[in-house]
């Protein structure tokens, strides 16, 4: 945590500047301590974690790299710290703070002649820091993925004609939690038949039938870090058309994977997948981005999309998930999660992508 705090302090370039971090995910990133409320207040020379009495004792035991301050009134405590450290300007997170909260803080800081800045300065600084994962972070993501894959391999023995989409989702969640997941990474997508043409279809009481594709977009959370994987499998048998579309999506995904390395843009990776699908005449059936960053959030920077000029760097963790969706018929998506390296990428997803007929 100390290196993260130092990096954020380096971003405070002028005397009297401070950063106020209120969002749950960024507080956890900087402190390693999870709580439903609180703040991290960082100046060029000091770093404090502010929590209320519910978390005071636990934070004092566990947090090593920040001074733990237990508050009764957050605004008053922040003003006290601002005066103590001669703060003149405080940067807020514009992406997550509510208008009400921002106005309350501005009013409080104004009483001690401290300016608040609610643009994207702090958001960008934190986002750029979080894009590059440490070895310890990648190990946690890999553990979340291990849990996900074991649950996936289990569910393959469960899927058969007659079970519902909800049955699959429930079994997957139970299996992940039993293996050590804190929770699922998002509302699991487990859809069958014609519903697989819905990129974000919601599992319901629809039953699996022979000849269906079943798409499972799944992930787990381990010590705050997420995993993300999609597999599409067939039940009992497949048609030539299903096989054709599946292999086309797999080709698109592999084309994107081989392009990934430090120095490549997100747009370039997206285009590599998109070219394969467009050249086969299915461009209008692939309308979402090719991938996104994964970490403390299931969707974070960088993006692998048509509009992304972000340059990939070693340590970034991204998904690669092209798909083809044929309304009224079926859809196919295949998703791996990879860590970017200097000369390529390390695929963190170990289960087969070959067309599987259960």
Protein backbone atom coordinates (compact mmCIF):
# COMPACT_ATOMS: atom_id res chain seq x y z
CA UNK A 1 0.00 0.00 0.00
CA UNK A 2 2.90 2.34 0.74
CA UNK A 3 3.97 2.48 -2.92
CA UNK A 4 0.42 3.39 -3.99
CA UNK A 5 0.25 6.20 -1.45
CA UNK A 6 3.63 7.53 -2.57
CA UNK A 7 2.52 7.46 -6.20
CA UNK A 8 -0.64 9.38 -5.37
CA UNK A 9 1.40 11.89 -3.37
CA UNK A 10 3.64 12.37 -6.42
CA UNK A 11 0.51 13.39 -8.32
CA UNK A 12 0.00 16.28 -5.90
CA UNK A 13 2.41 18.61 -7.61
CA UNK A 14 1.81 21.88 -5.74
CA UNK A 15 2.22 22.79 -2.06
CA UNK A 16 -1.08 22.77 -0.19
CA UNK A 17 -2.76 20.15 -2.40
CA UNK A 18 -4.61 17.13 -1.03
CA UNK A 19 -6.63 14.20 -2.38
CA UNK A 20 -9.86 13.06 -0.75
CA UNK A 21 -10.85 9.51 -1.69
CA UNK A 22 -14.38 8.50 -0.72
CA UNK A 23 -15.31 5.63 -3.06
CA UNK A 24 -15.28 2.15 -1.56
CA UNK A 25 -13.08 0.64 -4.25
CA UNK A 26 -10.38 3.33 -4.19
CA UNK A 27 -10.34 3.44 -0.38
CA UNK A 28 -9.70 -0.30 -0.41
CA UNK A 29 -7.05 0.07 -3.12
CA UNK A 30 -5.10 2.61 -1.05
CA UNK A 31 -5.62 1.13 2.41
CA UNK A 32 -6.29 -2.58 1.97
CA UNK A 33 -9.18 -2.13 4.39
CA UNK A 34 -12.79 -2.75 3.36
CA UNK A 35 -15.57 -0.68 4.91
CA UNK A 36 -18.95 0.64 3.91
CA UNK A 37 -18.03 4.23 4.75
CA UNK A 38 -14.97 6.37 5.37
CA UNK A 39 -12.32 8.35 3.52
CA UNK A 40 -8.66 8.43 2.63
CA UNK A 41 -7.12 11.89 2.96
CA UNK A 42 -3.68 12.33 1.41
CA UNK A 43 -1.43 15.36 1.34
CA UNK A 44 2.10 15.60 0.00
CA UNK A 45 3.45 14.55 3.40
CA UNK A 46 0.64 12.72 5.20
CA UNK A 47 -1.84 9.90 4.58
CA UNK A 48 -4.86 9.16 6.76
CA UNK A 49 -7.67 6.62 6.73
CA UNK A 50 -10.80 8.03 8.33
CA UNK A 51 -13.39 5.58 9.65
CA UNK A 52 -16.26 5.76 12.12
CA UNK A 53 -16.42 3.87 15.42
CA UNK A 54 -17.74 0.70 13.73
CA UNK A 55 -14.41 0.14 12.00
CA UNK A 56 -11.98 1.92 14.32
CA UNK A 57 -10.58 -1.03 16.22
CA UNK A 58 -10.27 -3.29 13.18
CA UNK A 59 -8.63 -0.56 11.09
CA UNK A 60 -6.12 0.27 13.81
CA UNK A 61 -5.09 -3.39 13.95
CA UNK A 62 -4.86 -3.99 10.22
CA UNK A 63 -3.84 -0.75 8.48
CA UNK A 64 -0.09 -0.16 8.49
CA UNK A 65 0.71 2.53 5.93
CA UNK A 66 -1.88 5.19 6.84
CA UNK A 67 -2.68 6.95 10.08
CA UNK A 68 -6.08 5.73 11.25
CA UNK A 69 -8.40 8.50 12.43
CA UNK A 70 -11.75 7.63 14.01
CA UNK A 71 -14.30 10.38 13.38
CA UNK A 72 -17.68 11.39 14.74
CA UNK A 73 -18.35 13.97 12.01
CA UNK A 74 -16.48 13.42 8.74
CA UNK A 75 -16.66 16.99 7.44
CA UNK A 76 -15.41 18.43 10.72
CA UNK A 77 -12.58 15.91 10.92
CA UNK A 78 -11.51 16.66 7.37
CA UNK A 79 -11.40 20.36 8.13
CA UNK A 80 -9.25 19.64 11.18
CA UNK A 81 -6.80 17.66 9.06
CA UNK A 82 -6.79 20.29 6.32
CA UNK A 83 -5.80 22.97 8.83
CA UNK A 84 -3.20 20.68 10.43
CA UNK A 85 -1.45 20.05 7.12
CA UNK A 86 -1.90 23.57 5.67
CA UNK A 87 -4.09 22.37 2.83
CA UNK A 88 -5.39 24.95 0.36
CA UNK A 89 -6.87 22.75 -2.38
CA UNK A 90 -8.63 19.37 -2.17
CA UNK A 91 -9.26 17.13 -5.19
CA UNK A 92 -12.43 15.03 -5.13
CA UNK A 93 -13.45 11.96 -7.17
CA UNK A 94 -15.93 13.37 -9.68
CA UNK A 95 -16.99 9.99 -11.09
CA UNK A 96 -18.42 8.58 -7.87
CA UNK A 97 -19.30 11.42 -5.52
CA UNK A 98 -22.93 12.51 -5.26
CA UNK A 99 -23.93 16.12 -5.86
CA UNK A 100 -25.18 16.34 -2.29
CA UNK A 101 -21.94 15.02 -0.84
CA UNK A 102 -19.83 17.30 -3.04
CA UNK A 103 -21.83 20.35 -2.01
CA UNK A 104 -21.56 19.43 1.68
CA UNK A 105 -17.79 19.10 1.44
CA UNK A 106 -17.41 22.31 -0.56
CA UNK A 107 -19.40 24.19 2.05
CA UNK A 108 -17.35 22.77 4.92
CA UNK A 109 -13.98 23.43 3.29
CA UNK A 110 -15.05 26.93 2.29
CA UNK A 111 -15.33 27.84 5.99
CA UNK A 112 -11.57 27.35 6.34
CA UNK A 113 -10.73 28.91 2.96
CA UNK A 114 -9.91 25.59 1.26
CA UNK A 115 -10.82 25.19 -2.43
CA UNK A 116 -12.38 21.94 -3.68
CA UNK A 117 -11.77 20.63 -7.22
CA UNK A 118 -14.28 18.16 -8.60
CA UNK A 119 -12.99 17.54 -12.12
CA UNK A 120 -11.44 14.31 -13.43
CA UNK A 121 -7.92 14.99 -12.10
CA UNK A 122 -8.09 12.57 -9.18
CA UNK A 123 -10.19 10.01 -11.10
CA UNK A 124 -7.60 9.80 -13.88
CA UNK A 125 -4.70 9.57 -11.48
CA UNK A 126 -6.28 6.67 -9.59
CA UNK A 127 -7.49 4.95 -12.75
CA UNK A 128 -4.03 5.07 -14.30
CA UNK A 129 -2.55 3.62 -11.12
CA UNK A 130 -5.09 0.81 -10.94
CA UNK A 131 -4.65 -0.18 -14.60
CA UNK A 132 -1.20 -1.60 -13.85
CA UNK A 133 -1.54 -4.60 -11.56
CA UNK A 134 1.18 -5.69 -9.19
CA UNK A 135 2.25 -9.32 -9.00
CA UNK A 136 0.21 -9.69 -5.81
CA UNK A 137 -2.89 -8.33 -7.53
CA UNK A 138 -2.49 -10.67 -10.49
CA UNK A 139 -2.14 -13.63 -8.12
CA UNK A 140 -5.49 -12.71 -6.54
CA UNK A 141 -7.11 -12.40 -9.96
CA UNK A 142 -5.68 -15.81 -10.87
CA UNK A 143 -7.15 -17.30 -7.70
CA UNK A 144 -10.54 -15.83 -8.54
CA UNK A 145 -10.19 -17.37 -11.99
CA UNK A 146 -9.21 -20.75 -10.55
CA UNK A 147 -12.40 -20.74 -8.48
CA UNK A 148 -14.41 -19.78 -11.56
CA UNK A 149 -12.92 -22.51 -13.71
CA UNK A 150 -13.46 -25.24 -11.14
CA UNK A 151 -17.10 -24.22 -10.82
CA UNK A 152 -17.42 -24.19 -14.61
CA UNK A 153 -15.98 -27.69 -14.97
CA UNK A 154 -18.41 -28.88 -12.30
CA UNK A 155 -21.42 -27.37 -14.05
CA UNK A 156 -20.64 -29.22 -17.27
CA UNK A 157 -21.75 -32.40 -15.49
CA UNK A 158 -24.96 -30.66 -14.41
CA UNK A 159 -26.19 -29.18 -17.70
CA UNK A 160 -28.70 -31.35 -19.50
CA UNK A 161 -32.08 -31.00 -21.20
CA UNK A 162 -34.80 -30.00 -18.76
CA UNK A 163 -32.86 -27.91 -16.26
CA UNK A 164 -33.49 -24.17 -16.15
CA UNK A 165 -31.14 -21.25 -16.71
CA UNK A 166 -31.67 -20.24 -13.09
CA UNK A 167 -30.66 -23.73 -11.96
CA UNK A 168 -27.32 -23.29 -13.72
CA UNK A 169 -26.74 -19.84 -12.20
CA UNK A 170 -27.54 -21.03 -8.68
CA UNK A 171 -25.31 -24.10 -8.94
CA UNK A 172 -22.43 -22.00 -10.26
CA UNK A 173 -22.73 -19.45 -7.46
CA UNK A 174 -22.90 -22.16 -4.80
CA UNK A 175 -19.90 -23.92 -6.30
CA UNK A 176 -17.85 -20.70 -6.38
CA UNK A 177 -18.67 -19.78 -2.80
CA UNK A 178 -17.89 -23.29 -1.62
CA UNK A 179 -14.44 -22.94 -3.20
CA UNK A 180 -13.64 -19.68 -1.41
CA UNK A 181 -15.23 -16.90 -3.44
CA UNK A 182 -16.39 -13.87 -1.46
CA UNK A 183 -19.23 -13.54 -3.93
CA UNK A 184 -19.89 -13.76 -7.64
CA UNK A 185 -18.25 -11.00 -9.66
CA UNK A 186 -21.55 -9.87 -11.23
CA UNK A 187 -25.02 -11.20 -11.92
CA UNK A 188 -24.09 -14.40 -13.72
CA UNK A 189 -25.26 -14.77 -17.31
CA UNK A 190 -26.42 -18.35 -17.90
CA UNK A 191 -28.75 -18.41 -20.90
CA UNK A 192 -29.83 -21.06 -23.38
CA UNK A 193 -31.32 -21.47 -26.83
CA UNK A 194 -32.56 -18.36 -28.61
CA UNK A 195 -31.74 -16.22 -25.57
CA UNK A 196 -28.03 -16.64 -26.30
CA UNK A 197 -28.50 -13.94 -28.96
CA UNK A 198 -28.83 -11.47 -26.04
CA UNK A 199 -25.32 -10.31 -25.05
CA UNK A 200 -26.49 -9.57 -21.49
CA UNK A 201 -29.43 -11.94 -21.24
CA UNK A 202 -30.84 -12.62 -17.79
CA UNK A 203 -31.28 -16.24 -16.67
CA UNK A 204 -34.87 -17.21 -16.06
CA UNK A 205 -37.11 -20.26 -15.94
CA UNK A 206 -36.45 -21.20 -19.57
CA UNK A 207 -35.33 -24.82 -19.82
CA UNK A 208 -32.35 -26.18 -21.71
CA UNK A 209 -33.27 -28.28 -24.73
CA UNK A 210 -31.32 -30.67 -26.92
CA UNK A 211 -29.62 -28.72 -29.69
CA UNK A 212 -29.30 -25.53 -27.62
CA UNK A 213 -26.24 -23.44 -27.14
CA UNK A 214 -25.74 -22.46 -23.49
CA UNK A 215 -23.72 -19.30 -22.87
CA UNK A 216 -22.15 -18.81 -19.44
CA UNK A 217 -20.55 -15.45 -18.64
CA UNK A 218 -19.26 -16.00 -15.12
CA UNK A 219 -16.76 -14.78 -12.54
CA UNK A 220 -15.82 -14.81 -8.87
CA UNK A 221 -14.36 -12.33 -6.39
CA UNK A 222 -11.36 -13.28 -4.26
CA UNK A 223 -9.97 -10.79 -1.70
CA UNK A 224 -11.62 -7.97 -3.63
CA UNK A 225 -10.36 -8.98 -7.08
CA UNK A 226 -12.59 -10.19 -9.92
CA UNK A 227 -12.40 -12.78 -12.65
CA UNK A 228 -14.36 -12.89 -15.90
CA UNK A 229 -14.82 -15.73 -18.38
CA UNK A 230 -17.38 -16.73 -21.00
CA UNK A 231 -17.87 -20.13 -22.56
CA UNK A 232 -20.58 -21.25 -24.98
CA UNK A 233 -21.30 -24.99 -25.01
CA UNK A 234 -23.74 -27.15 -26.96
CA UNK A 235 -26.23 -29.66 -25.58
CA UNK A 236 -26.66 -33.08 -27.25
CA UNK A 237 -25.90 -31.98 -30.83
CA UNK A 238 -25.16 -28.97 -33.04
CA UNK A 239 -26.02 -27.85 -36.56
CA UNK A 240 -23.50 -26.94 -39.22
CA UNK A 241 -24.53 -23.29 -38.83
CA UNK A 242 -23.88 -23.35 -35.08
CA UNK A 243 -20.48 -24.90 -35.70
CA UNK A 244 -19.65 -22.30 -38.35
CA UNK A 245 -20.52 -19.36 -36.11
CA UNK A 246 -18.73 -20.84 -33.11
CA UNK A 247 -15.51 -21.38 -35.05
CA UNK A 248 -15.73 -17.88 -36.51
CA UNK A 249 -15.93 -16.32 -33.03
CA UNK A 250 -13.04 -18.51 -31.88
CA UNK A 251 -10.96 -17.36 -34.87
CA UNK A 252 -11.76 -13.72 -34.07
CA UNK A 253 -10.75 -14.17 -30.46
CA UNK A 254 -7.47 -15.84 -31.36
CA UNK A 255 -6.72 -13.06 -33.86
CA UNK A 256 -7.12 -10.51 -31.08
CA UNK A 257 -5.07 -12.48 -28.57
CA UNK A 258 -2.00 -12.67 -30.81
CA UNK A 259 -2.01 -8.86 -31.18
CA UNK A 260 -1.87 -8.18 -27.45
CA UNK A 261 1.42 -6.87 -26.11
CA UNK A 262 2.81 -3.80 -24.40
CA UNK A 263 2.70 -0.81 -26.74
CA UNK A 264 -0.41 -1.85 -28.70
CA UNK A 265 -3.59 0.22 -28.48
CA UNK A 266 -6.96 -1.04 -27.31
CA UNK A 267 -8.37 -0.02 -30.70
CA UNK A 268 -5.88 -2.27 -32.50
CA UNK A 269 -6.92 -5.32 -30.48
CA UNK A 270 -10.59 -4.61 -31.05
CA UNK A 271 -10.05 -4.24 -34.78
CA UNK A 272 -8.21 -7.55 -35.04
CA UNK A 273 -11.29 -9.39 -33.76
CA UNK A 274 -13.73 -7.20 -35.64
CA UNK A 275 -11.99 -7.70 -38.99
CA UNK A 276 -12.51 -11.46 -38.86
CA UNK A 277 -16.21 -11.13 -38.11
CA UNK A 278 -16.83 -8.33 -40.60
CA UNK A 279 -15.03 -10.14 -43.42
CA UNK A 280 -17.33 -13.12 -42.84
CA UNK A 281 -20.36 -10.84 -43.25
CA UNK A 282 -21.46 -10.68 -39.61
CA UNK A 283 -20.24 -7.21 -38.66
CA UNK A 284 -23.72 -6.00 -37.69
CA UNK A 285 -24.03 -8.98 -35.33
CA UNK A 286 -21.03 -7.84 -33.24
CA UNK A 287 -21.87 -4.49 -31.66
CA UNK A 288 -20.02 -4.45 -28.32
CA UNK A 289 -16.38 -3.82 -27.44
CA UNK A 290 -13.83 -6.62 -27.56
CA UNK A 291 -12.71 -6.30 -23.96
CA UNK A 292 -12.15 -4.35 -20.78
CA UNK A 293 -9.87 -4.18 -17.80
CA UNK A 294 -10.55 -6.34 -14.74
CA UNK A 295 -9.44 -5.82 -11.16
CA UNK A 296 -11.18 -4.39 -8.12
CA UNK A 297 -14.11 -3.77 -10.47
CA UNK A 298 -15.40 -6.16 -13.10
CA UNK A 299 -15.27 -3.38 -15.70
CA UNK A 300 -12.42 -0.91 -15.46
CA UNK A 301 -9.78 0.65 -17.65
CA UNK A 302 -8.36 -0.01 -20.17
CA UNK A 303 -11.00 -0.71 -22.81
CA UNK A 304 -10.44 -2.74 -25.96
CA UNK A 305 -12.85 -0.89 -28.20
CA UNK A 306 -13.09 0.99 -31.48
CA UNK A 307 -12.62 4.30 -29.69
CA UNK A 308 -9.81 3.32 -27.31
CA UNK A 309 -6.42 4.90 -27.90
CA UNK A 310 -5.08 3.65 -24.58
CA UNK A 311 -1.67 2.06 -25.03
CA UNK A 312 -1.41 -1.31 -23.32
CA UNK A 313 1.37 -1.82 -20.78
CA UNK A 314 2.78 -4.80 -18.94
CA UNK A 315 0.71 -5.59 -15.88
CA UNK A 316 -2.66 -4.68 -17.33
CA UNK A 317 -5.32 -7.39 -17.09
CA UNK A 318 -7.96 -7.37 -19.82
CA UNK A 319 -10.67 -9.59 -21.26
CA UNK A 320 -10.92 -10.61 -24.90
CA UNK A 321 -14.55 -11.47 -25.69
CA UNK A 322 -15.81 -11.15 -29.25
CA UNK A 323 -19.24 -12.52 -30.07
CA UNK A 324 -21.79 -12.99 -32.82
CA UNK A 325 -25.49 -12.62 -31.98
CA UNK A 326 -28.19 -13.74 -34.41
CA UNK A 327 -31.61 -12.48 -33.23
CA UNK A 328 -34.20 -15.22 -33.04
CA UNK A 329 -31.57 -17.94 -33.56
CA UNK A 330 -28.64 -18.07 -31.15
CA UNK A 331 -25.45 -16.31 -30.13
CA UNK A 332 -21.86 -17.23 -29.34
CA UNK A 333 -19.36 -15.42 -27.11
CA UNK A 334 -15.95 -16.68 -26.02
CA UNK A 335 -14.05 -14.75 -23.37
CA UNK A 336 -10.59 -15.15 -21.86
CA UNK A 337 -8.84 -12.94 -19.34
CA UNK A 338 -5.16 -12.16 -19.98
CA UNK A 339 -2.28 -10.28 -18.40
CA UNK A 340 -0.37 -8.02 -20.81
CA UNK A 341 3.39 -8.60 -21.02
CA UNK A 342 6.22 -6.88 -22.89
CA UNK A 343 6.12 -9.27 -25.84
CA UNK A 344 2.58 -10.67 -25.68
CA UNK A 345 0.23 -11.79 -22.97
CA UNK A 346 -0.25 -14.50 -20.38
CA UNK A 347 -3.64 -16.14 -20.66
CA UNK A 348 -5.11 -16.46 -17.16
CA UNK A 349 -7.94 -18.64 -18.48
CA UNK A 350 -7.10 -22.32 -18.63
CA UNK A 351 -10.23 -24.18 -19.73
CA UNK A 352 -10.66 -25.33 -23.32
CA UNK A 353 -12.29 -23.15 -25.96
CA UNK A 354 -12.92 -25.90 -28.47
CA UNK A 355 -16.60 -26.48 -29.22
CA UNK A 356 -17.90 -28.74 -26.47
CA UNK A 357 -21.02 -30.88 -26.96
CA UNK A 358 -22.42 -32.10 -23.67
